[in-house]
Amino acid sequence: MTNYFGKRYSIVHTSNAVMDASVQITGSSCGIGLGFVQHLVKRGDKVIAGVRNLDKAEYVKAITSEHLHIVQLDVTDYASIKAEAAKVNEIVPESLYILIKTAGIILTNNLDPEIESAEGFITSFKANCVSVLQVTQALLTALEKRNRRLMQPFRWRVALMS
């Protein structure tokens, strides 16, 4: 098939799990992150669901599967990111295949300068921008293990959803 620009492409079928796949998803307690968790667990992939607040993760906790591992991850807290990366290495010591980052914070006051606080803006910036780099850096070792084993020409697979 060809796209609008005349480039050839193939359709990727996602009905079957990738052999030996392990996937880390941030922002897994709701929204698109939860959707990824549901789909990938159903597919049979090993899923590590990162949630900011374990007490409020009832939807992801409702998924019963031996393939699902729920871990605490606050992307605005570097200590939490490092602790979660250590847990990922325990859960999948062989390698992490895919990292999907969906965690984010919406500013409640839409940047209204009369209402929005600097602290709220900084927290939002950390969650939506800085954490992208920090989570990726923390999980680089786990992501690169697979590529060394498979000798693939690309370094890792990372998806950012916003």
C-alpha atoms as a PDB file:
ATOM      1  CA  MET A   1       0.000   0.000   0.000  1.00  0.00           C
ATOM      2  CA  THR A   2       1.093   3.594  -0.437  1.00  0.00           C
ATOM      3  CA  ASN A   3       0.289   6.679   1.600  1.00  0.00           C
ATOM      4  CA  TYR A   4      -0.519  10.222   0.509  1.00  0.00           C
ATOM      5  CA  PHE A   5       3.153  10.964  -0.162  1.00  0.00           C
ATOM      6  CA  GLY A   6       3.657   7.845  -2.299  1.00  0.00           C
ATOM      7  CA  LYS A   7       5.711   6.044   0.367  1.00  0.00           C
ATOM      8  CA  ARG A   8       5.146   2.317   0.761  1.00  0.00           C
ATOM      9  CA  TYR A   9       3.931   1.012   4.099  1.00  0.00           C
ATOM     10  CA  SER A  10       2.467  -2.127   5.557  1.00  0.00           C
ATOM     11  CA  ILE A  11      -0.316  -2.480   8.056  1.00  0.00           C
ATOM     12  CA  VAL A  12       0.824  -3.830  11.417  1.00  0.00           C
ATOM     13  CA  HIS A  13      -1.545  -6.399  12.849  1.00  0.00           C
ATOM     14  CA  THR A  14      -1.700  -6.311  16.646  1.00  0.00           C
ATOM     15  CA  SER A  15      -3.855  -9.365  17.264  1.00  0.00           C
ATOM     16  CA  ASN A  16      -0.938 -11.542  18.390  1.00  0.00           C
ATOM     17  CA  ALA A  17       1.498 -10.821  21.178  1.00  0.00           C
ATOM     18  CA  VAL A  18       5.100 -10.219  20.216  1.00  0.00           C
ATOM     19  CA  MET A  19       7.119 -13.174  21.402  1.00  0.00           C
ATOM     20  CA  ASP A  20       8.775 -12.408  24.742  1.00  0.00           C
ATOM     21  CA  ALA A  21       7.236  -8.895  24.827  1.00  0.00           C
ATOM     22  CA  SER A  22       7.305  -6.803  27.965  1.00  0.00           C
ATOM     23  CA  VAL A  23       5.746  -3.357  27.958  1.00  0.00           C
ATOM     24  CA  GLN A  24       6.014  -0.502  30.481  1.00  0.00           C
ATOM     25  CA  ILE A  25       3.118   1.976  30.396  1.00  0.00           C
ATOM     26  CA  THR A  26       3.081   5.181  32.441  1.00  0.00           C
ATOM     27  CA  GLY A  27      -0.228   6.826  33.321  1.00  0.00           C
ATOM     28  CA  SER A  28      -2.006   3.463  33.432  1.00  0.00           C
ATOM     29  CA  SER A  29      -4.799   4.217  35.881  1.00  0.00           C
ATOM     30  CA  CYS A  30      -7.126   5.886  33.346  1.00  0.00           C
ATOM     31  CA  GLY A  31      -7.530   7.157  29.798  1.00  0.00           C
ATOM     32  CA  ILE A  32      -5.384   5.959  26.942  1.00  0.00           C
ATOM     33  CA  GLY A  33      -2.856   4.388  29.317  1.00  0.00           C
ATOM     34  CA  LEU A  34      -5.564   2.143  30.776  1.00  0.00           C
ATOM     35  CA  GLY A  35      -6.694   1.321  27.239  1.00  0.00           C
ATOM     36  CA  PHE A  36      -3.170   0.207  26.337  1.00  0.00           C
ATOM     37  CA  VAL A  37      -3.019  -1.946  29.483  1.00  0.00           C
ATOM     38  CA  GLN A  38      -6.345  -3.634  28.689  1.00  0.00           C
ATOM     39  CA  HIS A  39      -5.405  -4.300  25.063  1.00  0.00           C
ATOM     40  CA  LEU A  40      -1.874  -5.557  25.689  1.00  0.00           C
ATOM     41  CA  VAL A  41      -2.834  -7.800  28.622  1.00  0.00           C
ATOM     42  CA  LYS A  42      -5.617  -9.291  26.505  1.00  0.00           C
ATOM     43  CA  ARG A  43      -3.032  -9.884  23.763  1.00  0.00           C
ATOM     44  CA  GLY A  44      -0.868 -11.798  26.234  1.00  0.00           C
ATOM     45  CA  ASP A  45       1.994  -9.346  26.632  1.00  0.00           C
ATOM     46  CA  LYS A  46       3.703  -8.865  29.994  1.00  0.00           C
ATOM     47  CA  VAL A  47       2.545  -5.399  31.074  1.00  0.00           C
ATOM     48  CA  ILE A  48       4.034  -3.198  33.787  1.00  0.00           C
ATOM     49  CA  ALA A  49       1.414  -0.571  34.601  1.00  0.00           C
ATOM     50  CA  GLY A  50       2.810   2.549  36.264  1.00  0.00           C
ATOM     51  CA  VAL A  51       0.259   4.449  38.356  1.00  0.00           C
ATOM     52  CA  ARG A  52       0.769   7.566  40.469  1.00  0.00           C
ATOM     53  CA  ASN A  53      -1.575   6.547  43.285  1.00  0.00           C
ATOM     54  CA  LEU A  54      -2.081   2.840  43.959  1.00  0.00           C
ATOM     55  CA  ASP A  55      -5.134   3.574  46.118  1.00  0.00           C
ATOM     56  CA  LYS A  56      -6.932   5.236  43.182  1.00  0.00           C
ATOM     57  CA  ALA A  57      -6.030   2.647  40.537  1.00  0.00           C
ATOM     58  CA  GLU A  58      -9.247   0.632  40.830  1.00  0.00           C
ATOM     59  CA  TYR A  59      -9.755   0.220  37.072  1.00  0.00           C
ATOM     60  CA  VAL A  60      -6.333  -1.227  36.423  1.00  0.00           C
ATOM     61  CA  LYS A  61      -6.565  -3.337  39.602  1.00  0.00           C
ATOM     62  CA  ALA A  62      -9.815  -4.814  38.250  1.00  0.00           C
ATOM     63  CA  ILE A  63      -7.852  -6.454  35.418  1.00  0.00           C
ATOM     64  CA  THR A  64      -6.965  -9.949  36.539  1.00  0.00           C
ATOM     65  CA  SER A  65      -4.025 -11.438  34.695  1.00  0.00           C
ATOM     66  CA  GLU A  66      -0.754 -13.089  35.505  1.00  0.00           C
ATOM     67  CA  HIS A  67       0.724 -10.863  32.783  1.00  0.00           C
ATOM     68  CA  LEU A  68      -0.076  -7.617  34.643  1.00  0.00           C
ATOM     69  CA  HIS A  69       2.233  -5.984  37.187  1.00  0.00           C
ATOM     70  CA  ILE A  70       1.055  -2.737  38.809  1.00  0.00           C
ATOM     71  CA  VAL A  71       3.769  -0.463  40.208  1.00  0.00           C
ATOM     72  CA  GLN A  72       3.701   2.969  41.833  1.00  0.00           C
ATOM     73  CA  LEU A  73       5.146   5.688  39.591  1.00  0.00           C
ATOM     74  CA  ASP A  74       4.867   9.432  40.112  1.00  0.00           C
ATOM     75  CA  VAL A  75       6.522  10.946  37.034  1.00  0.00           C
ATOM     76  CA  THR A  76       6.975  14.303  38.809  1.00  0.00           C
ATOM     77  CA  ASP A  77       9.182  12.669  41.470  1.00  0.00           C
ATOM     78  CA  TYR A  78      12.634  11.507  40.315  1.00  0.00           C
ATOM     79  CA  ALA A  79      13.041   9.184  43.326  1.00  0.00           C
ATOM     80  CA  SER A  80       9.776   7.481  42.334  1.00  0.00           C
ATOM     81  CA  ILE A  81      11.009   7.126  38.749  1.00  0.00           C
ATOM     82  CA  LYS A  82      14.275   5.503  39.888  1.00  0.00           C
ATOM     83  CA  ALA A  83      12.458   3.163  42.305  1.00  0.00           C
ATOM     84  CA  GLU A  84      10.031   2.138  39.573  1.00  0.00           C
ATOM     85  CA  ALA A  85      12.901   1.469  37.148  1.00  0.00           C
ATOM     86  CA  ALA A  86      14.463  -0.863  39.722  1.00  0.00           C
ATOM     87  CA  LYS A  87      11.135  -2.735  40.004  1.00  0.00           C
ATOM     88  CA  VAL A  88      10.932  -3.006  36.216  1.00  0.00           C
ATOM     89  CA  ASN A  89      14.381  -4.627  36.197  1.00  0.00           C
ATOM     90  CA  GLU A  90      13.150  -7.126  38.819  1.00  0.00           C
ATOM     91  CA  ILE A  91       9.965  -7.928  36.900  1.00  0.00           C
ATOM     92  CA  VAL A  92      11.670  -8.244  33.497  1.00  0.00           C
ATOM     93  CA  PRO A  93      15.363  -8.908  34.136  1.00  0.00           C
ATOM     94  CA  GLU A  94      15.773 -10.128  30.555  1.00  0.00           C
ATOM     95  CA  SER A  95      14.686  -6.858  28.919  1.00  0.00           C
ATOM     96  CA  LEU A  96      11.969  -4.281  28.394  1.00  0.00           C
ATOM     97  CA  TYR A  97      10.611  -4.399  24.848  1.00  0.00           C
ATOM     98  CA  ILE A  98       8.450  -1.259  24.660  1.00  0.00           C
ATOM     99  CA  LEU A  99       8.012   1.899  26.760  1.00  0.00           C
ATOM    100  CA  ILE A 100       4.733   3.788  26.331  1.00  0.00           C
ATOM    101  CA  LYS A 101       4.472   7.084  28.188  1.00  0.00           C
ATOM    102  CA  THR A 102       0.940   8.408  28.657  1.00  0.00           C
ATOM    103  CA  ALA A 103       1.250  10.046  32.080  1.00  0.00           C
ATOM    104  CA  GLY A 104       0.408  13.724  32.159  1.00  0.00           C
ATOM    105  CA  ILE A 105      -1.297  16.481  34.097  1.00  0.00           C
ATOM    106  CA  ILE A 106      -3.836  18.932  32.743  1.00  0.00           C
ATOM    107  CA  LEU A 107      -3.721  22.439  34.161  1.00  0.00           C
ATOM    108  CA  THR A 108      -7.060  23.053  35.835  1.00  0.00           C
ATOM    109  CA  ASN A 109      -7.186  26.773  35.064  1.00  0.00           C
ATOM    110  CA  ASN A 110      -6.129  26.684  31.382  1.00  0.00           C
ATOM    111  CA  LEU A 111      -3.153  28.979  32.038  1.00  0.00           C
ATOM    112  CA  ASP A 112      -5.405  31.817  33.141  1.00  0.00           C
ATOM    113  CA  PRO A 113      -2.807  34.247  34.553  1.00  0.00           C
ATOM    114  CA  GLU A 114      -5.232  35.525  37.177  1.00  0.00           C
ATOM    115  CA  ILE A 115      -5.890  32.061  38.612  1.00  0.00           C
ATOM    116  CA  GLU A 116      -3.108  29.632  37.641  1.00  0.00           C
ATOM    117  CA  SER A 117      -0.359  29.158  40.214  1.00  0.00           C
ATOM    118  CA  ALA A 118       3.314  28.916  39.361  1.00  0.00           C
ATOM    119  CA  GLU A 119       3.507  25.680  41.365  1.00  0.00           C
ATOM    120  CA  GLY A 120       0.697  24.126  39.307  1.00  0.00           C
ATOM    121  CA  PHE A 121       2.390  25.143  36.079  1.00  0.00           C
ATOM    122  CA  ILE A 122       5.751  23.734  37.225  1.00  0.00           C
ATOM    123  CA  THR A 123       4.142  20.440  38.245  1.00  0.00           C
ATOM    124  CA  SER A 124       2.387  20.209  34.893  1.00  0.00           C
ATOM    125  CA  PHE A 125       5.623  20.999  33.034  1.00  0.00           C
ATOM    126  CA  LYS A 126       7.514  18.352  35.001  1.00  0.00           C
ATOM    127  CA  ALA A 127       4.847  15.717  34.312  1.00  0.00           C
ATOM    128  CA  ASN A 128       4.322  16.536  30.640  1.00  0.00           C
ATOM    129  CA  CYS A 129       7.851  17.468  29.533  1.00  0.00           C
ATOM    130  CA  VAL A 130      10.685  16.718  31.962  1.00  0.00           C
ATOM    131  CA  SER A 131       9.406  13.270  32.928  1.00  0.00           C
ATOM    132  CA  VAL A 132       9.597  12.133  29.301  1.00  0.00           C
ATOM    133  CA  LEU A 133      13.375  12.423  29.482  1.00  0.00           C
ATOM    134  CA  GLN A 134      13.709  11.150  33.058  1.00  0.00           C
ATOM    135  CA  VAL A 135      11.587   8.016  32.577  1.00  0.00           C
ATOM    136  CA  THR A 136      13.381   7.157  29.347  1.00  0.00           C
ATOM    137  CA  GLN A 137      16.806   7.655  30.944  1.00  0.00           C
ATOM    138  CA  ALA A 138      15.843   5.541  33.965  1.00  0.00           C
ATOM    139  CA  LEU A 139      14.724   2.660  31.735  1.00  0.00           C
ATOM    140  CA  LEU A 140      17.468   2.817  29.084  1.00  0.00           C
ATOM    141  CA  THR A 141      19.351  -0.147  30.508  1.00  0.00           C
ATOM    142  CA  ALA A 142      16.227  -2.326  30.481  1.00  0.00           C
ATOM    143  CA  LEU A 143      15.363  -1.207  26.935  1.00  0.00           C
ATOM    144  CA  GLU A 144      18.867  -1.746  25.588  1.00  0.00           C
ATOM    145  CA  LYS A 145      19.228  -5.301  26.964  1.00  0.00           C
ATOM    146  CA  ARG A 146      16.842  -6.609  24.329  1.00  0.00           C
ATOM    147  CA  ASN A 147      18.573  -4.813  21.494  1.00  0.00           C
ATOM    148  CA  ARG A 148      21.936  -6.266  22.470  1.00  0.00           C
ATOM    149  CA  ARG A 149      20.375  -9.724  22.549  1.00  0.00           C
ATOM    150  CA  LEU A 150      18.500  -9.351  19.249  1.00  0.00           C
ATOM    151  CA  MET A 151      21.219  -7.310  17.505  1.00  0.00           C
ATOM    152  CA  GLN A 152      18.639  -4.950  16.057  1.00  0.00           C
ATOM    153  CA  PRO A 153      19.748  -1.848  14.162  1.00  0.00           C
ATOM    154  CA  PHE A 154      17.536   0.512  16.181  1.00  0.00           C
ATOM    155  CA  ARG A 155      18.125   1.331  19.809  1.00  0.00           C
ATOM    156  CA  TRP A 156      14.717   1.050  21.495  1.00  0.00           C
ATOM    157  CA  ARG A 157      10.998   1.538  21.087  1.00  0.00           C
ATOM    158  CA  VAL A 158       9.396   4.455  22.896  1.00  0.00           C
ATOM    159  CA  ALA A 159       5.922   5.890  22.327  1.00  0.00           C
ATOM    160  CA  LEU A 160       4.811   9.200  23.775  1.00  0.00           C
ATOM    161  CA  MET A 161       1.093   9.937  23.879  1.00  0.00           C
ATOM    162  CA  SER A 162      -0.179  13.371  24.820  1.00  0.00           C
END
